[in-house]
Amino acid sequence: MYPSPEVVAEIAAETTSISGTPGFVRPVLDDPYTVGLVHQVLRAADEGNALAADTLLRVAVTRLLRLNGGALPQREVRTAGARIAVRARGVLEERMAKPPSLERLASDLGTGPFALLRAFRDLYGMPPHTWLTDARIRRARQLLDAGGSPAEAAIAVGFTDQPHLNRHFTRIVGVPPGAYQRERKNVQDAWQGLS
């Protein structure tokens, strides 16, 4: 299991008081409960139950952060290419709903399109458009969790329409946005019923 740094940061912000970039600062030597959670995550993913897998992953990461999480030391960006990639990501985050073209983004950052693509892929492991799609889906999930409709979420994050959101959301999350939202509501209702 390799949760992305963005997922770890999101979970840390919601469930811990870690300041700075969250990460795992001490190794876990023996925690049978967390091992069981990880097995449950993998089983749910194998069964195609994206909601259960996502929920259990969040519980497992929360536990790991509480047991051995902390703020990671700040890393300096060492190369000009990496600095360009960081700046490009910032622009994409700010202008998620109306991002610039690759050529415009590169020009605004004082570089060429191929240099930007290479730097972005080197730093983030994917090209800017793939990163942007993933970021849009993460933001859409937050909007759906807050009660927004799939159509509203689609427009807010920059998809042309709800079917466009549906296609990418289903590919990344495993279920369409409407089903995701209904299942999240059912889980929240069940948790409230237990309180």
Protein backbone atom coordinates (compact mmCIF):
# COMPACT_ATOMS: atom_id res chain seq x y z
CA MET A 1 0.00 0.00 0.00
CA TYR A 2 1.40 3.36 -1.04
CA PRO A 3 -0.99 6.20 -0.15
CA SER A 4 -0.06 9.39 -1.97
CA PRO A 5 1.50 12.26 -0.01
CA GLU A 6 -1.68 14.26 -0.72
CA VAL A 7 -3.87 11.56 0.87
CA VAL A 8 -1.58 11.33 3.91
CA ALA A 9 -1.62 15.13 4.27
CA GLU A 10 -5.42 15.25 3.97
CA ILE A 11 -5.87 12.53 6.61
CA ALA A 12 -3.30 14.16 8.92
CA ALA A 13 -5.07 17.52 8.64
CA GLU A 14 -8.40 15.92 9.58
CA THR A 15 -7.24 13.56 12.33
CA THR A 16 -3.99 14.78 13.90
CA SER A 17 -2.28 17.91 15.13
CA ILE A 18 0.86 17.40 13.03
CA SER A 19 2.21 20.74 11.77
CA GLY A 20 4.15 20.87 8.53
CA THR A 21 4.45 18.06 6.01
CA PRO A 22 3.12 14.90 7.66
CA GLY A 23 4.88 11.59 7.28
CA PHE A 24 6.07 8.53 9.10
CA VAL A 25 9.09 9.44 11.19
CA ARG A 26 9.58 6.17 13.10
CA PRO A 27 9.26 2.61 11.78
CA VAL A 28 6.40 0.42 12.96
CA LEU A 29 7.87 -2.80 14.27
CA ASP A 30 4.78 -4.63 15.50
CA ASP A 31 1.17 -3.51 15.42
CA PRO A 32 -1.20 -6.43 14.74
CA TYR A 33 -4.25 -4.16 14.63
CA THR A 34 -2.81 -2.06 11.78
CA VAL A 35 -1.72 -5.22 9.95
CA GLY A 36 -5.34 -6.39 10.13
CA LEU A 37 -6.57 -3.05 8.80
CA VAL A 38 -4.17 -3.24 5.86
CA HIS A 39 -5.40 -6.75 5.06
CA GLN A 40 -9.00 -5.48 5.16
CA VAL A 41 -8.10 -2.61 2.79
CA LEU A 42 -6.54 -5.03 0.31
CA ARG A 43 -9.48 -7.46 0.57
CA ALA A 44 -12.01 -4.66 -0.02
CA ALA A 45 -10.02 -3.43 -3.02
CA ASP A 46 -9.84 -6.96 -4.45
CA GLU A 47 -13.60 -7.30 -4.04
CA GLY A 48 -14.16 -4.00 -5.87
CA ASN A 49 -15.61 -2.28 -2.80
CA ALA A 50 -13.99 1.14 -3.30
CA LEU A 51 -15.89 2.79 -0.48
CA ALA A 52 -14.81 0.19 2.09
CA ALA A 53 -11.24 0.23 0.79
CA ASP A 54 -11.08 4.03 0.99
CA THR A 55 -12.63 4.12 4.45
CA LEU A 56 -10.35 1.41 5.84
CA LEU A 57 -7.28 3.01 4.23
CA ARG A 58 -8.09 6.25 6.03
CA VAL A 59 -8.47 4.41 9.35
CA ALA A 60 -5.15 2.60 8.82
CA VAL A 61 -3.26 5.76 7.85
CA THR A 62 -4.78 7.63 10.81
CA ARG A 63 -3.60 4.90 13.16
CA LEU A 64 -0.10 4.89 11.64
CA LEU A 65 0.12 8.67 11.89
CA ARG A 66 -0.92 8.58 15.52
CA LEU A 67 1.54 5.80 16.34
CA ASN A 68 4.56 7.07 14.48
CA GLY A 69 3.69 10.13 12.47
CA GLY A 70 5.23 13.53 12.66
CA ALA A 71 6.35 16.47 10.61
CA LEU A 72 8.92 15.58 7.98
CA PRO A 73 11.96 17.83 7.67
CA GLN A 74 11.58 20.49 4.99
CA ARG A 75 13.30 19.48 1.78
CA GLU A 76 14.75 22.16 -0.35
CA VAL A 77 14.00 22.03 -4.03
CA ARG A 78 17.46 21.57 -5.48
CA THR A 79 17.05 21.94 -9.21
CA ALA A 80 15.69 24.64 -11.43
CA GLY A 81 13.44 22.03 -13.05
CA ALA A 82 11.97 21.03 -9.71
CA ARG A 83 11.30 24.67 -8.83
CA ILE A 84 9.49 25.10 -12.15
CA ALA A 85 7.41 21.96 -11.46
CA VAL A 86 6.46 23.23 -7.99
CA ARG A 87 5.42 26.58 -9.45
CA ALA A 88 3.44 24.83 -12.21
CA ARG A 89 1.58 22.76 -9.62
CA GLY A 90 0.75 25.92 -7.70
CA VAL A 91 -0.69 27.52 -10.84
CA LEU A 92 -2.74 24.40 -11.57
CA GLU A 93 -4.08 24.32 -8.00
CA GLU A 94 -5.07 28.00 -8.17
CA ARG A 95 -6.62 27.74 -11.61
CA MET A 96 -8.04 24.22 -11.40
CA ALA A 97 -11.37 25.14 -13.00
CA LYS A 98 -9.73 27.07 -15.86
CA PRO A 99 -6.15 25.88 -16.25
CA PRO A 100 -3.82 27.35 -18.86
CA SER A 101 -2.65 25.36 -21.85
CA LEU A 102 0.71 23.62 -21.54
CA GLU A 103 2.28 26.19 -23.84
CA ARG A 104 0.85 29.11 -21.85
CA LEU A 105 1.85 27.57 -18.51
CA ALA A 106 5.40 26.97 -19.72
CA SER A 107 5.64 30.46 -21.18
CA ASP A 108 4.36 32.06 -17.96
CA LEU A 109 6.99 30.12 -16.01
CA GLY A 110 9.79 31.08 -18.38
CA THR A 111 10.46 27.63 -19.79
CA GLY A 112 9.51 25.45 -22.73
CA PRO A 113 6.71 22.87 -22.85
CA PHE A 114 9.03 19.86 -23.06
CA ALA A 115 11.23 21.12 -20.22
CA LEU A 116 8.11 21.66 -18.09
CA LEU A 117 6.77 18.18 -18.89
CA ARG A 118 10.11 16.58 -18.03
CA ALA A 119 10.48 18.53 -14.76
CA PHE A 120 6.90 17.86 -13.68
CA ARG A 121 7.16 14.13 -14.42
CA ASP A 122 10.52 13.93 -12.61
CA LEU A 123 9.14 15.56 -9.48
CA TYR A 124 5.56 14.21 -9.36
CA GLY A 125 5.81 11.02 -11.40
CA MET A 126 3.15 12.08 -13.89
CA PRO A 127 2.50 14.79 -16.45
CA PRO A 128 0.63 17.97 -15.42
CA HIS A 129 -2.67 16.95 -17.06
CA THR A 130 -2.76 13.65 -15.14
CA TRP A 131 -1.93 15.41 -11.88
CA LEU A 132 -4.67 17.97 -12.60
CA THR A 133 -7.27 15.27 -13.22
CA ASP A 134 -6.36 13.57 -9.93
CA ALA A 135 -6.49 16.91 -8.09
CA ARG A 136 -9.89 17.66 -9.60
CA ILE A 137 -11.23 14.30 -8.42
CA ARG A 138 -9.87 14.88 -4.90
CA ARG A 139 -11.56 18.29 -4.82
CA ALA A 140 -14.80 16.85 -6.26
CA ARG A 141 -14.84 14.27 -3.46
CA GLN A 142 -14.56 17.07 -0.90
CA LEU A 143 -17.45 18.93 -2.54
CA LEU A 144 -19.57 15.77 -2.65
CA ASP A 145 -18.76 15.05 1.01
CA ALA A 146 -19.92 18.59 1.84
CA GLY A 147 -23.29 17.90 0.18
CA GLY A 148 -22.77 19.40 -3.28
CA SER A 149 -24.36 17.70 -6.26
CA PRO A 150 -22.24 15.84 -8.83
CA ALA A 151 -23.19 18.45 -11.48
CA GLU A 152 -22.09 21.31 -9.19
CA ALA A 153 -18.85 19.51 -8.34
CA ALA A 154 -18.12 18.90 -12.02
CA ILE A 155 -18.37 22.57 -12.90
CA ALA A 156 -16.55 23.75 -9.75
CA VAL A 157 -13.47 21.64 -10.46
CA GLY A 158 -13.33 22.38 -14.18
CA PHE A 159 -14.92 19.41 -15.93
CA THR A 160 -17.07 20.36 -18.90
CA ASP A 161 -20.10 18.49 -17.58
CA GLN A 162 -21.21 15.77 -15.18
CA PRO A 163 -20.58 12.84 -17.59
CA HIS A 164 -16.96 14.03 -17.90
CA LEU A 165 -16.66 13.99 -14.09
CA ASN A 166 -18.43 10.61 -13.93
CA ARG A 167 -15.95 9.01 -16.35
CA HIS A 168 -12.83 10.17 -14.48
CA PHE A 169 -14.33 9.76 -11.00
CA THR A 170 -15.35 6.16 -11.72
CA ARG A 171 -11.91 5.35 -13.16
CA ILE A 172 -10.06 6.79 -10.14
CA VAL A 173 -12.44 6.16 -7.21
CA GLY A 174 -14.11 3.00 -8.52
CA VAL A 175 -17.72 4.19 -8.36
CA PRO A 176 -19.67 7.05 -9.98
CA PRO A 177 -19.97 10.29 -7.96
CA GLY A 178 -23.66 9.80 -7.13
CA ALA A 179 -23.05 6.29 -5.77
CA TYR A 180 -20.00 7.52 -3.86
CA GLN A 181 -22.05 10.30 -2.27
CA ARG A 182 -24.92 7.95 -1.33
CA GLU A 183 -22.53 5.44 0.25
CA ARG A 184 -20.70 8.16 2.19
CA LYS A 185 -24.05 9.43 3.48
CA ASN A 186 -25.06 5.89 4.50
CA VAL A 187 -21.77 5.45 6.37
CA GLN A 188 -22.18 8.84 8.10
CA ASP A 189 -25.76 7.99 9.04
CA ALA A 190 -24.62 4.64 10.44
CA TRP A 191 -21.90 6.34 12.50
CA GLN A 192 -24.40 8.89 13.82
CA GLY A 193 -26.75 6.06 14.70
CA LEU A 194 -24.01 4.53 16.83
CA SER A 195 -23.47 7.78 18.74
